């Protein structure tokens, strides 16, 4: 589950931290919040950013019955 943690300092500076998002999901997840907060001064990517997004894929393999 993706989670956004927003910390606002005494000077009004906001820091947005994301947990549970991998790859480009993080940037997509924070895009609207960044627009609301204002100019992005600095962006630090975590190790999760460099992981590939995982998809849940289910494969059902059955033997073909002989005719």
N, C-alpha and C. Protein backbone atom coordinates (compact mmCIF):
# COMPACT_ATOMS: atom_id res chain seq x y z
N UNK A 1 0.84 -1.18 0.00
CA UNK A 1 0.00 0.00 0.00
C UNK A 1 0.89 1.25 0.00
N UNK A 2 0.57 2.19 -0.86
CA UNK A 2 1.32 3.43 -0.93
C UNK A 2 0.89 4.36 0.19
N UNK A 3 1.88 5.06 0.76
CA UNK A 3 1.58 5.99 1.84
C UNK A 3 2.41 7.25 1.63
N UNK A 4 1.76 8.42 1.79
CA UNK A 4 2.42 9.70 1.65
C UNK A 4 2.52 10.35 3.04
N UNK A 5 3.74 10.72 3.41
CA UNK A 5 3.98 11.36 4.71
C UNK A 5 4.42 12.79 4.42
N UNK A 6 3.67 13.76 4.95
CA UNK A 6 3.96 15.16 4.70
C UNK A 6 4.36 15.81 6.02
N UNK A 7 5.53 16.43 6.02
CA UNK A 7 6.02 17.15 7.19
C UNK A 7 6.17 18.61 6.82
N UNK A 8 5.59 19.49 7.64
CA UNK A 8 5.68 20.92 7.39
C UNK A 8 6.48 21.54 8.54
N UNK A 9 7.61 22.15 8.19
CA UNK A 9 8.49 22.76 9.18
C UNK A 9 7.97 24.11 9.66
N UNK A 10 8.62 24.66 10.67
CA UNK A 10 8.23 25.95 11.26
C UNK A 10 8.28 27.09 10.24
N UNK A 11 9.19 26.97 9.26
CA UNK A 11 9.32 28.01 8.24
C UNK A 11 8.30 27.84 7.12
N UNK A 12 7.48 26.78 7.18
CA UNK A 12 6.48 26.53 6.16
C UNK A 12 6.95 25.63 5.04
N UNK A 13 8.16 25.13 5.14
CA UNK A 13 8.71 24.24 4.12
C UNK A 13 8.11 22.85 4.28
N UNK A 14 7.60 22.29 3.18
CA UNK A 14 6.97 20.97 3.21
C UNK A 14 7.92 19.92 2.66
N UNK A 15 7.94 18.77 3.31
CA UNK A 15 8.72 17.62 2.85
C UNK A 15 7.74 16.48 2.65
N UNK A 16 7.73 15.92 1.45
CA UNK A 16 6.84 14.81 1.12
C UNK A 16 7.69 13.55 1.00
N UNK A 17 7.30 12.53 1.74
CA UNK A 17 8.00 11.24 1.69
C UNK A 17 6.99 10.17 1.34
N UNK A 18 7.36 9.27 0.44
CA UNK A 18 6.45 8.22 0.00
C UNK A 18 7.01 6.86 0.39
N UNK A 19 6.12 6.00 0.88
CA UNK A 19 6.49 4.63 1.20
C UNK A 19 5.58 3.70 0.41
N UNK A 20 6.12 2.58 -0.02
CA UNK A 20 5.31 1.57 -0.69
C UNK A 20 5.11 1.75 -2.18
N UNK A 21 5.77 2.72 -2.78
CA UNK A 21 5.66 2.93 -4.22
C UNK A 21 7.02 2.60 -4.85
N UNK A 22 6.99 1.92 -5.97
CA UNK A 22 8.24 1.57 -6.64
C UNK A 22 8.30 2.21 -8.01
N UNK A 23 9.52 2.44 -8.47
CA UNK A 23 9.70 3.01 -9.80
C UNK A 23 9.05 4.38 -9.92
N UNK A 24 8.47 4.63 -11.06
CA UNK A 24 7.85 5.92 -11.35
C UNK A 24 6.54 6.15 -10.59
N UNK A 25 6.02 5.14 -9.90
CA UNK A 25 4.77 5.30 -9.13
C UNK A 25 4.89 6.45 -8.15
N UNK A 26 6.06 6.61 -7.56
CA UNK A 26 6.28 7.65 -6.56
C UNK A 26 6.01 9.04 -7.13
N UNK A 27 6.57 9.31 -8.30
CA UNK A 27 6.38 10.62 -8.92
C UNK A 27 4.93 10.87 -9.29
N UNK A 28 4.27 9.85 -9.80
CA UNK A 28 2.85 9.97 -10.15
C UNK A 28 2.01 10.22 -8.91
N UNK A 29 2.36 9.52 -7.83
CA UNK A 29 1.62 9.60 -6.57
C UNK A 29 1.72 11.00 -5.95
N UNK A 30 2.85 11.67 -6.09
CA UNK A 30 3.06 12.97 -5.45
C UNK A 30 2.77 14.16 -6.35
N UNK A 31 2.52 13.93 -7.63
CA UNK A 31 2.39 15.03 -8.60
C UNK A 31 1.37 16.11 -8.18
N UNK A 32 0.17 15.72 -7.80
CA UNK A 32 -0.86 16.71 -7.43
C UNK A 32 -0.48 17.46 -6.15
N UNK A 33 0.08 16.74 -5.19
CA UNK A 33 0.48 17.39 -3.94
C UNK A 33 1.60 18.40 -4.21
N UNK A 34 2.53 18.06 -5.07
CA UNK A 34 3.61 18.99 -5.40
C UNK A 34 3.08 20.26 -6.04
N UNK A 35 2.08 20.13 -6.89
CA UNK A 35 1.47 21.31 -7.52
C UNK A 35 0.81 22.19 -6.47
N UNK A 36 0.15 21.57 -5.49
CA UNK A 36 -0.54 22.34 -4.45
C UNK A 36 0.46 23.04 -3.52
N UNK A 37 1.58 22.39 -3.24
CA UNK A 37 2.56 22.94 -2.31
C UNK A 37 3.38 24.04 -2.95
N UNK A 38 3.72 23.89 -4.21
CA UNK A 38 4.51 24.93 -4.88
C UNK A 38 5.71 24.35 -5.59
N UNK A 39 6.77 25.12 -5.63
CA UNK A 39 7.98 24.76 -6.36
C UNK A 39 8.73 23.64 -5.63
N UNK A 40 9.18 22.65 -6.39
CA UNK A 40 9.99 21.58 -5.83
C UNK A 40 11.44 22.06 -5.83
N UNK A 41 11.99 22.26 -4.65
CA UNK A 41 13.37 22.75 -4.54
C UNK A 41 14.38 21.62 -4.68
N UNK A 42 14.03 20.45 -4.18
CA UNK A 42 14.98 19.35 -4.15
C UNK A 42 14.20 18.03 -4.18
N UNK A 43 14.73 17.05 -4.90
CA UNK A 43 14.08 15.74 -4.97
C UNK A 43 15.14 14.68 -4.69
N UNK A 44 14.87 13.85 -3.69
CA UNK A 44 15.78 12.75 -3.34
C UNK A 44 15.03 11.44 -3.57
N UNK A 45 15.59 10.60 -4.41
CA UNK A 45 14.98 9.32 -4.69
C UNK A 45 15.48 8.27 -3.69
N UNK A 46 14.58 7.42 -3.25
CA UNK A 46 14.96 6.33 -2.36
C UNK A 46 15.30 5.10 -3.20
N UNK A 47 15.76 4.06 -2.56
CA UNK A 47 16.08 2.82 -3.26
C UNK A 47 14.85 2.24 -3.96
N UNK A 48 13.66 2.47 -3.39
CA UNK A 48 12.43 1.96 -4.00
C UNK A 48 12.20 2.52 -5.39
N UNK A 49 12.68 3.71 -5.63
CA UNK A 49 12.50 4.35 -6.93
C UNK A 49 13.19 3.56 -8.04
N UNK A 50 14.26 2.89 -7.70
CA UNK A 50 15.05 2.19 -8.69
C UNK A 50 14.62 0.74 -8.88
N UNK A 51 13.60 0.31 -8.12
CA UNK A 51 13.05 -1.03 -8.31
C UNK A 51 12.04 -0.99 -9.45
N UNK A 52 11.85 -2.12 -10.07
CA UNK A 52 10.83 -2.20 -11.11
C UNK A 52 9.49 -2.50 -10.47
N UNK A 53 8.45 -1.90 -11.03
CA UNK A 53 7.11 -2.16 -10.53
C UNK A 53 6.77 -3.63 -10.71
N UNK A 54 6.15 -4.18 -9.70
CA UNK A 54 5.78 -5.59 -9.76
C UNK A 54 4.31 -5.71 -10.11
N UNK A 55 4.02 -6.64 -10.97
CA UNK A 55 2.63 -6.92 -11.31
C UNK A 55 2.27 -8.28 -10.77
N UNK A 56 1.05 -8.40 -10.28
CA UNK A 56 0.58 -9.69 -9.83
C UNK A 56 0.04 -10.44 -11.04
N UNK A 57 0.75 -11.47 -11.43
CA UNK A 57 0.34 -12.25 -12.59
C UNK A 57 0.12 -13.68 -12.13
N UNK A 58 -1.02 -14.20 -12.47
CA UNK A 58 -1.34 -15.57 -12.11
C UNK A 58 -1.33 -16.41 -13.39
N UNK A 59 -0.64 -17.52 -13.32
CA UNK A 59 -0.55 -18.41 -14.47
C UNK A 59 -1.10 -19.77 -14.06
N UNK A 60 -2.00 -20.27 -14.86
CA UNK A 60 -2.61 -21.58 -14.60
C UNK A 60 -2.16 -22.53 -15.72
N UNK A 61 -1.32 -23.49 -15.37
CA UNK A 61 -0.80 -24.42 -16.38
C UNK A 61 -1.42 -25.78 -16.12
N UNK A 62 -2.05 -26.30 -17.16
CA UNK A 62 -2.67 -27.61 -17.07
C UNK A 62 -2.16 -28.49 -18.21
N UNK A 63 -2.07 -29.75 -17.93
CA UNK A 63 -1.63 -30.66 -18.97
C UNK A 63 -2.77 -30.86 -19.96
N UNK A 64 -2.40 -30.93 -21.23
CA UNK A 64 -3.38 -31.17 -22.28
C UNK A 64 -3.75 -32.65 -22.24
N UNK A 65 -5.03 -32.89 -22.20
CA UNK A 65 -5.49 -34.28 -22.15
C UNK A 65 -5.24 -34.97 -23.49
N UNK A 66 -4.82 -36.20 -23.43
CA UNK A 66 -4.58 -36.97 -24.66
C UNK A 66 -5.90 -37.29 -25.32
N UNK A 67 -5.90 -37.26 -26.65
CA UNK A 67 -7.11 -37.60 -27.42
C UNK A 67 -7.25 -39.06 -27.61
